[in-house]
Protein backbone atom coordinates (compact mmCIF):
# COMPACT_ATOMS: atom_id res chain seq x y z
CA MET A 1 -49.84 -53.92 17.50
CA ASN A 2 -47.70 -51.67 15.46
CA ASN A 3 -44.19 -51.82 16.82
CA THR A 4 -42.76 -49.51 14.13
CA LEU A 5 -40.65 -46.87 15.72
CA LYS A 6 -40.85 -43.42 14.27
CA TYR A 7 -37.66 -41.42 14.13
CA THR A 8 -38.05 -37.84 15.16
CA PRO A 9 -34.97 -35.76 14.46
CA THR A 10 -33.83 -33.64 17.34
CA ALA A 11 -34.11 -29.96 16.85
CA GLU A 12 -30.75 -28.37 16.41
CA ASN A 13 -29.91 -25.36 18.46
CA GLU A 14 -28.85 -23.14 15.60
CA GLU A 15 -27.39 -19.86 16.72
CA PHE A 16 -26.45 -17.28 14.16
CA PHE A 17 -25.39 -13.67 14.33
CA SER A 18 -27.92 -11.55 12.49
CA VAL A 19 -27.62 -7.99 11.21
CA ALA A 20 -29.80 -6.86 14.11
CA ASP A 21 -27.36 -8.44 16.58
CA MET A 22 -24.46 -6.70 14.90
CA ALA A 23 -26.29 -3.35 15.01
CA ARG A 24 -26.97 -3.89 18.72
CA VAL A 25 -23.30 -4.59 19.41
CA VAL A 26 -22.21 -1.54 17.41
CA ARG A 27 -24.64 0.70 19.31
CA LYS A 28 -23.47 -0.77 22.60
CA ARG A 29 -19.82 0.04 21.87
CA LEU A 30 -20.31 2.98 19.53
CA TRP A 31 -17.50 4.92 21.18
CA MET A 32 -15.03 2.23 20.16
CA VAL A 33 -16.31 2.04 16.57
CA ILE A 34 -15.89 5.82 16.25
CA LEU A 35 -12.67 6.29 18.23
CA LEU A 36 -10.51 3.71 16.44
CA PRO A 37 -11.16 5.06 12.90
CA LEU A 38 -10.49 8.61 14.11
CA LEU A 39 -7.18 7.55 15.65
CA ALA A 40 -6.21 5.62 12.50
CA VAL A 41 -7.05 8.57 10.20
CA GLY A 42 -5.16 10.99 12.42
CA ALA A 43 -2.08 8.78 12.50
CA ALA A 44 -2.11 8.16 8.73
CA VAL A 45 -2.65 11.81 7.75
CA GLY A 46 -0.09 13.00 10.31
CA ALA A 47 2.53 10.55 9.06
CA SER A 48 1.85 11.58 5.45
CA LEU A 49 2.22 15.29 6.24
CA LEU A 50 5.46 14.71 8.16
CA GLN A 51 7.07 12.86 5.25
CA PRO A 52 9.10 15.14 2.94
CA PRO A 53 7.80 15.62 -0.62
CA VAL A 54 9.43 13.52 -3.32
CA TYR A 55 9.98 14.71 -6.91
CA GLU A 56 10.66 12.52 -9.93
CA ALA A 57 12.70 13.75 -12.88
CA THR A 58 12.92 11.69 -16.07
CA ALA A 59 15.30 11.83 -19.03
CA THR A 60 15.01 9.72 -22.19
CA VAL A 61 17.80 8.18 -24.30
CA VAL A 62 17.59 6.27 -27.56
CA VAL A 63 19.73 3.42 -28.90
CA SER A 64 20.65 4.02 -32.56
CA PRO A 65 22.93 2.34 -35.10
CA LYS A 66 26.38 3.85 -35.09
CA GLU A 67 27.42 5.89 -38.11
CA GLY A 68 29.67 3.90 -40.39
CA ALA A 69 28.56 0.55 -38.97
CA SER A 70 27.87 -2.42 -41.21
CA GLN A 71 24.83 -1.85 -43.44
CA GLN A 72 24.27 -5.49 -44.36
CA ASP A 73 21.19 -5.98 -42.19
CA ASN A 74 17.87 -4.55 -43.32
CA LEU A 75 15.96 -1.95 -41.32
CA SER A 76 13.69 -4.44 -39.52
CA ASN A 77 16.63 -6.50 -38.32
CA LYS A 78 18.43 -3.39 -37.13
CA ILE A 79 15.43 -2.15 -35.18
CA SER A 80 14.83 -5.56 -33.65
CA GLY A 81 18.46 -5.83 -32.61
CA LEU A 82 18.47 -2.34 -31.14
CA GLN A 83 15.33 -3.11 -29.15
CA ILE A 84 16.99 -6.19 -27.69
CA LEU A 85 20.10 -4.15 -26.92
CA ALA A 86 17.97 -1.49 -25.20
CA HIS A 87 16.35 -4.18 -23.07
CA GLU A 88 19.76 -5.55 -22.06
CA MET A 89 20.97 -2.05 -21.15
CA ALA A 90 17.86 -1.51 -19.02
CA VAL A 91 18.47 -4.78 -17.20
CA VAL A 92 22.12 -3.94 -16.51
CA GLY A 93 21.36 -0.36 -15.49
CA LEU A 94 24.27 1.79 -14.37
CA PRO A 95 27.44 -0.14 -13.48
CA ARG A 96 29.52 0.92 -10.51
CA SER A 97 31.89 3.05 -12.60
CA MET A 98 28.99 5.07 -14.01
CA VAL A 99 27.42 5.49 -10.57
CA GLU A 100 30.68 6.85 -9.15
CA GLU A 101 31.07 9.27 -12.05
CA VAL A 102 27.53 10.58 -11.61
CA VAL A 103 28.19 11.11 -7.89
CA ASN A 104 31.46 12.94 -8.64
CA THR A 105 29.71 15.32 -11.05
CA GLN A 106 27.59 16.61 -8.15
CA GLY A 107 30.65 17.82 -6.27
CA LYS A 108 32.02 16.97 -2.85
CA THR A 109 29.56 19.26 -1.07
CA SER A 110 26.56 17.36 -2.44
CA ALA A 111 24.65 15.02 -0.14
CA LEU A 112 24.31 12.48 -2.98
CA SER A 113 25.90 9.08 -2.36
CA ALA A 114 26.30 5.96 -4.44
CA ALA A 115 23.70 4.19 -2.29
CA ASP A 116 21.18 7.00 -2.86
CA LEU A 117 21.74 6.79 -6.61
CA ASN A 118 21.35 3.02 -6.70
CA ASN A 119 18.15 3.15 -4.63
CA ASN A 120 16.46 6.08 -6.40
CA LEU A 121 17.61 5.83 -10.03
CA THR A 122 15.58 3.60 -12.37
CA VAL A 123 16.48 2.62 -15.94
CA ALA A 124 13.58 1.12 -17.91
CA GLN A 125 12.83 0.31 -21.53
CA VAL A 126 9.90 2.24 -22.98
CA GLU A 127 7.36 -0.36 -24.19
CA ASP A 128 9.74 -2.64 -26.12
CA THR A 129 11.23 0.24 -28.15
CA ARG A 130 14.76 1.57 -28.65
CA PHE A 131 14.08 4.23 -26.02
CA LEU A 132 15.15 4.06 -22.39
CA SER A 133 13.86 6.25 -19.57
CA LEU A 134 16.08 7.21 -16.65
CA SER A 135 14.10 8.39 -13.61
CA TYR A 136 15.43 9.73 -10.33
CA LEU A 137 13.53 10.45 -7.09
CA ASP A 138 14.67 13.17 -4.71
CA ALA A 139 13.23 15.54 -2.12
CA ASP A 140 14.91 18.44 -3.99
CA SER A 141 13.38 19.00 -7.45
CA ASP A 142 16.48 20.82 -8.80
CA ARG A 143 18.82 18.07 -7.63
CA ALA A 144 16.56 15.41 -9.14
CA GLN A 145 16.80 17.18 -12.50
CA GLU A 146 20.58 17.63 -12.33
CA VAL A 147 21.29 14.06 -11.26
CA VAL A 148 19.15 12.39 -13.90
CA ASN A 149 20.53 14.58 -16.70
CA SER A 150 24.10 13.80 -15.62
CA ALA A 151 23.22 10.11 -15.47
CA ALA A 152 21.75 10.28 -18.99
CA GLU A 153 24.88 11.93 -20.43
CA ILE A 154 27.23 9.46 -18.76
CA PHE A 155 25.00 6.56 -19.79
CA THR A 156 25.09 7.61 -23.45
CA ARG A 157 28.91 7.69 -23.43
CA LYS A 158 29.61 4.46 -21.61
CA ALA A 159 26.64 2.12 -22.12
CA PRO A 160 27.59 0.93 -25.65
CA GLN A 161 31.10 0.04 -24.53
CA ALA A 162 29.82 -1.62 -21.35
CA SER A 163 27.44 -3.76 -23.43
CA GLY A 164 30.14 -4.71 -25.95
CA MET A 165 28.31 -3.02 -28.86
CA ALA A 166 30.36 0.15 -29.16
CA ALA A 167 31.26 -0.66 -32.78
CA ASP A 168 27.67 -1.14 -33.89
CA ALA A 169 25.39 1.01 -31.71
CA ALA A 170 25.33 4.42 -30.09
CA VAL A 171 23.20 5.93 -27.35
CA LYS A 172 21.99 9.51 -27.59
CA VAL A 173 19.97 11.70 -25.27
CA SER A 174 16.48 12.01 -26.73
CA ALA A 175 14.99 14.35 -24.08
CA TYR A 176 16.58 15.96 -21.06
CA ALA A 177 14.63 16.12 -17.82
CA THR A 178 12.90 19.35 -16.96
CA ALA A 179 12.25 20.64 -13.46
CA PRO A 180 9.61 18.26 -12.06
CA GLN A 181 6.37 19.96 -11.08
CA ALA A 182 4.19 16.97 -10.22
CA LEU A 183 4.59 15.84 -6.64
CA GLU A 184 5.32 12.16 -6.17
CA GLY A 185 5.04 10.66 -2.73
CA PRO A 186 2.66 10.43 0.22
CA ASP A 187 -1.01 11.22 -0.49
CA PRO A 188 -2.73 12.35 2.75
CA LEU A 189 -6.24 12.00 1.30
CA ARG A 190 -5.71 8.49 -0.02
CA ASN A 191 -3.93 7.36 3.13
CA GLY A 192 -6.67 8.89 5.28
CA LEU A 193 -9.43 7.06 3.40
CA LEU A 194 -7.57 3.76 3.65
CA ALA A 195 -7.01 4.32 7.35
CA LEU A 196 -10.71 5.13 7.81
CA ALA A 197 -11.75 1.85 6.19
CA LEU A 198 -9.24 -0.16 8.18
CA GLY A 199 -10.21 1.63 11.40
CA LEU A 200 -13.90 0.89 10.88
CA MET A 201 -13.19 -2.79 10.27
CA LEU A 202 -10.93 -2.93 13.31
CA GLY A 203 -13.46 -1.12 15.51
CA ILE A 204 -16.39 -3.31 14.50
CA GLY A 205 -14.28 -6.46 14.78
CA LEU A 206 -13.03 -5.53 18.22
CA ALA A 207 -16.57 -4.71 19.38
CA LEU A 208 -17.81 -8.11 18.19
CA LEU A 209 -14.85 -9.83 19.84
CA LEU A 210 -15.52 -8.13 23.17
CA GLU A 211 -19.20 -8.97 22.90
CA HIS A 212 -18.34 -12.63 22.38
CA PHE A 213 -15.93 -12.92 25.33
CA VAL A 214 -17.23 -10.27 27.73
CA GLY A 215 -20.86 -9.60 26.93
CA SER A 216 -21.90 -13.14 26.10
CA GLY A 217 -25.09 -14.38 27.73
CA TRP A 218 -28.82 -14.35 27.26
CA HIS A 219 -30.28 -10.98 26.45
CA SER A 220 -33.93 -11.81 25.85
CA PRO A 221 -36.58 -14.47 26.71
CA GLU A 222 -36.43 -15.63 23.09
CA GLU A 223 -32.76 -16.56 23.44
CA VAL A 224 -33.58 -18.53 26.60
CA GLU A 225 -36.33 -20.42 24.76
CA ARG A 226 -33.98 -21.25 21.90
CA ALA A 227 -31.32 -22.51 24.30
CA SER A 228 -33.61 -24.49 26.66
CA GLY A 229 -36.28 -25.64 24.24
CA VAL A 230 -39.09 -24.82 26.70
CA PRO A 231 -41.31 -21.75 26.78
CA THR A 232 -40.61 -18.95 29.24
CA PHE A 233 -43.20 -17.08 31.25
CA GLY A 234 -41.24 -13.87 31.47
CA PRO A 235 -38.02 -12.33 32.71
CA ILE A 236 -37.17 -12.11 36.40
CA PRO A 237 -36.81 -8.47 37.38
CA ASP A 238 -33.64 -7.16 38.92
CA PHE A 239 -34.28 -6.38 42.58
CA GLU A 240 -30.92 -4.70 43.12
CA ALA A 241 -32.46 -1.24 43.03
CA ALA A 242 -35.04 -2.24 45.66
CA ARG A 243 -32.37 -3.81 47.88
CA ALA A 244 -30.20 -0.70 47.59
CA LYS A 245 -33.16 1.48 48.52
CA LYS A 246 -33.86 -0.72 51.54
CA ARG A 247 -30.25 -0.51 52.64
CA ARG A 248 -30.32 3.28 52.38
CA ARG A 249 -33.46 3.40 54.57
CA GLY A 250 -31.83 1.13 57.14
CA SER A 251 -28.69 3.26 57.30
CA ALA A 252 -30.80 6.47 57.63
CA ALA A 253 -32.67 4.96 60.57
């Protein structure tokens, strides 16, 4: 007698969500998948159109050796030192005294404040060179041009002294800002496309979530077979319509 026991692994009830199941859920709640992206696009485009346009004006200054300064260093050392000095000036930016002077040049009737200047004015070194770019953002293109040009002139006068290099270096305006034509700011098309993508993901995700918590159950004889492990003969019909018809006949009698 062979007493060897054979091990038969139990069949695992593997349930997975196929593409067909996802398509069924999307069709079932198609209104949600369409409505949420439309609401997101409308909100994003509307918010972009309500935001005021923003213009950016840019002036350029250059750090140069001061006339009459020591000529002992060669040209490469001078350029390297001026590049380092330009980087330090960009890091420091406009000190408080310069900010106040720029604000005063706009007059008392101007809406410009020191906080606006600090938040919207940027001083940056141009690709490790001796040049610095001063950029200012404003809803008024003319005011953006005036403010950044005033900042460039004040910066050229006071930056060498503020950095302690007034005896060796000078700052000059390389290019004044012109009236900005390019619009900087909210992009309705880009924001609308991003909102459309996010709305689609949110709509599909919410439909799947509702299907999991609300519409969960067996939807076909095949799912019943997978869950029970025994074959099914067929679905049981819903007799609610017949019962309702019978009730209507009884009430009519």
